[in-house]
């Protein structure tokens, strides 16, 4: 995700929603100001997180998102914020 997505609780809100929707994976800030995430779970729940990521929390201003669908790997047990 690009735009004003760092310093606006973007990652923590995604993590909270991932728990609500039983989605696992990770999210992290990138050095260029973007945020990158990987979601795994039931398709409908992953889509809910992706929809939220298109707008973010109230204080965010998302200007673009890129979604890449991949096969389920099953390697994640929880959702983490990476540093």
C-alpha atoms as a PDB file:
ATOM      1  CA  UNK A   1       0.000   0.000   0.000  1.00  0.00           C
ATOM      2  CA  UNK A   2       1.202   3.478  -0.827  1.00  0.00           C
ATOM      3  CA  UNK A   3       0.255   6.910   0.433  1.00  0.00           C
ATOM      4  CA  UNK A   4       0.123   8.054   4.043  1.00  0.00           C
ATOM      5  CA  UNK A   5       0.235   4.532   5.475  1.00  0.00           C
ATOM      6  CA  UNK A   6       3.033   4.745   8.039  1.00  0.00           C
ATOM      7  CA  UNK A   7       2.596   6.376  11.434  1.00  0.00           C
ATOM      8  CA  UNK A   8      -1.217   6.079  11.251  1.00  0.00           C
ATOM      9  CA  UNK A   9      -1.732   2.722  13.041  1.00  0.00           C
ATOM     10  CA  UNK A  10      -2.158   0.927   9.708  1.00  0.00           C
ATOM     11  CA  UNK A  11      -0.248  -2.179  10.767  1.00  0.00           C
ATOM     12  CA  UNK A  12      -1.862  -2.465  14.181  1.00  0.00           C
ATOM     13  CA  UNK A  13      -5.361  -2.096  12.716  1.00  0.00           C
ATOM     14  CA  UNK A  14      -4.659  -4.761  10.087  1.00  0.00           C
ATOM     15  CA  UNK A  15      -3.355  -7.060  12.836  1.00  0.00           C
ATOM     16  CA  UNK A  16      -6.490  -6.477  14.917  1.00  0.00           C
ATOM     17  CA  UNK A  17      -8.750  -7.239  11.953  1.00  0.00           C
ATOM     18  CA  UNK A  18      -6.683 -10.290  10.990  1.00  0.00           C
ATOM     19  CA  UNK A  19      -7.437 -11.748  14.408  1.00  0.00           C
ATOM     20  CA  UNK A  20     -11.143 -10.928  14.047  1.00  0.00           C
ATOM     21  CA  UNK A  21     -11.251 -12.663  10.639  1.00  0.00           C
ATOM     22  CA  UNK A  22      -8.936 -15.577  11.582  1.00  0.00           C
ATOM     23  CA  UNK A  23      -6.363 -14.568   8.971  1.00  0.00           C
ATOM     24  CA  UNK A  24      -2.671 -15.320   9.463  1.00  0.00           C
ATOM     25  CA  UNK A  25       0.444 -13.820   7.883  1.00  0.00           C
ATOM     26  CA  UNK A  26       2.366 -10.598   8.410  1.00  0.00           C
ATOM     27  CA  UNK A  27       2.573  -6.871   7.710  1.00  0.00           C
ATOM     28  CA  UNK A  28       5.594  -4.553   7.647  1.00  0.00           C
ATOM     29  CA  UNK A  29       6.708  -1.034   6.823  1.00  0.00           C
ATOM     30  CA  UNK A  30       9.055  -0.625   3.875  1.00  0.00           C
ATOM     31  CA  UNK A  31      11.887   1.898   3.842  1.00  0.00           C
ATOM     32  CA  UNK A  32      10.290   3.826   0.954  1.00  0.00           C
ATOM     33  CA  UNK A  33       7.145   4.632   3.005  1.00  0.00           C
ATOM     34  CA  UNK A  34       4.933   1.837   1.691  1.00  0.00           C
ATOM     35  CA  UNK A  35       3.407  -1.014   3.704  1.00  0.00           C
ATOM     36  CA  UNK A  36       3.599  -4.649   2.566  1.00  0.00           C
ATOM     37  CA  UNK A  37       1.453  -7.515   3.861  1.00  0.00           C
ATOM     38  CA  UNK A  38       0.808 -11.201   3.305  1.00  0.00           C
ATOM     39  CA  UNK A  39      -2.580 -12.662   4.255  1.00  0.00           C
ATOM     40  CA  UNK A  40      -3.602 -16.335   4.471  1.00  0.00           C
ATOM     41  CA  UNK A  41      -7.005 -17.642   5.412  1.00  0.00           C
ATOM     42  CA  UNK A  42     -10.474 -18.278   4.090  1.00  0.00           C
ATOM     43  CA  UNK A  43     -10.932 -16.402   0.824  1.00  0.00           C
ATOM     44  CA  UNK A  44     -13.849 -14.252   2.036  1.00  0.00           C
ATOM     45  CA  UNK A  45     -11.891 -13.171   5.128  1.00  0.00           C
ATOM     46  CA  UNK A  46      -8.757 -12.370   3.160  1.00  0.00           C
ATOM     47  CA  UNK A  47     -10.895 -10.281   0.794  1.00  0.00           C
ATOM     48  CA  UNK A  48     -12.246  -8.344   3.795  1.00  0.00           C
ATOM     49  CA  UNK A  49      -8.707  -7.452   4.853  1.00  0.00           C
ATOM     50  CA  UNK A  50      -7.745  -6.481   1.317  1.00  0.00           C
ATOM     51  CA  UNK A  51     -10.817  -4.230   1.100  1.00  0.00           C
ATOM     52  CA  UNK A  52      -9.813  -2.548   4.356  1.00  0.00           C
ATOM     53  CA  UNK A  53      -6.229  -2.147   3.088  1.00  0.00           C
ATOM     54  CA  UNK A  54      -7.533  -0.153   0.098  1.00  0.00           C
ATOM     55  CA  UNK A  55      -8.664   2.604   2.485  1.00  0.00           C
ATOM     56  CA  UNK A  56      -6.883   1.928   5.812  1.00  0.00           C
ATOM     57  CA  UNK A  57      -7.715   3.482   9.173  1.00  0.00           C
ATOM     58  CA  UNK A  58      -9.246   6.965   9.369  1.00  0.00           C
ATOM     59  CA  UNK A  59      -5.935   8.822   9.559  1.00  0.00           C
ATOM     60  CA  UNK A  60      -4.446   7.002   6.556  1.00  0.00           C
ATOM     61  CA  UNK A  61      -4.578   8.151   2.957  1.00  0.00           C
ATOM     62  CA  UNK A  62      -4.053   5.155   0.687  1.00  0.00           C
ATOM     63  CA  UNK A  63      -3.201   6.219  -2.857  1.00  0.00           C
ATOM     64  CA  UNK A  64      -2.535   2.786  -4.368  1.00  0.00           C
ATOM     65  CA  UNK A  65      -2.518  -0.902  -3.580  1.00  0.00           C
ATOM     66  CA  UNK A  66      -1.179  -3.884  -5.449  1.00  0.00           C
ATOM     67  CA  UNK A  67      -2.691  -7.312  -4.779  1.00  0.00           C
ATOM     68  CA  UNK A  68      -1.015 -10.524  -5.867  1.00  0.00           C
ATOM     69  CA  UNK A  69      -2.923 -13.769  -5.311  1.00  0.00           C
ATOM     70  CA  UNK A  70      -0.867 -16.879  -4.608  1.00  0.00           C
ATOM     71  CA  UNK A  71      -1.508 -20.449  -3.536  1.00  0.00           C
ATOM     72  CA  UNK A  72      -2.164 -21.120   0.126  1.00  0.00           C
ATOM     73  CA  UNK A  73       1.048 -22.311   1.821  1.00  0.00           C
ATOM     74  CA  UNK A  74      -0.149 -23.017   5.359  1.00  0.00           C
ATOM     75  CA  UNK A  75       3.178 -21.892   6.821  1.00  0.00           C
ATOM     76  CA  UNK A  76       1.780 -19.250   9.201  1.00  0.00           C
ATOM     77  CA  UNK A  77       0.217 -19.881  12.604  1.00  0.00           C
ATOM     78  CA  UNK A  78      -0.639 -16.296  13.584  1.00  0.00           C
ATOM     79  CA  UNK A  79      -0.523 -12.724  12.316  1.00  0.00           C
ATOM     80  CA  UNK A  80       2.576 -10.660  13.070  1.00  0.00           C
ATOM     81  CA  UNK A  81       3.892  -7.183  12.607  1.00  0.00           C
ATOM     82  CA  UNK A  82       7.417  -7.520  11.229  1.00  0.00           C
ATOM     83  CA  UNK A  83      10.088  -4.931  11.995  1.00  0.00           C
END
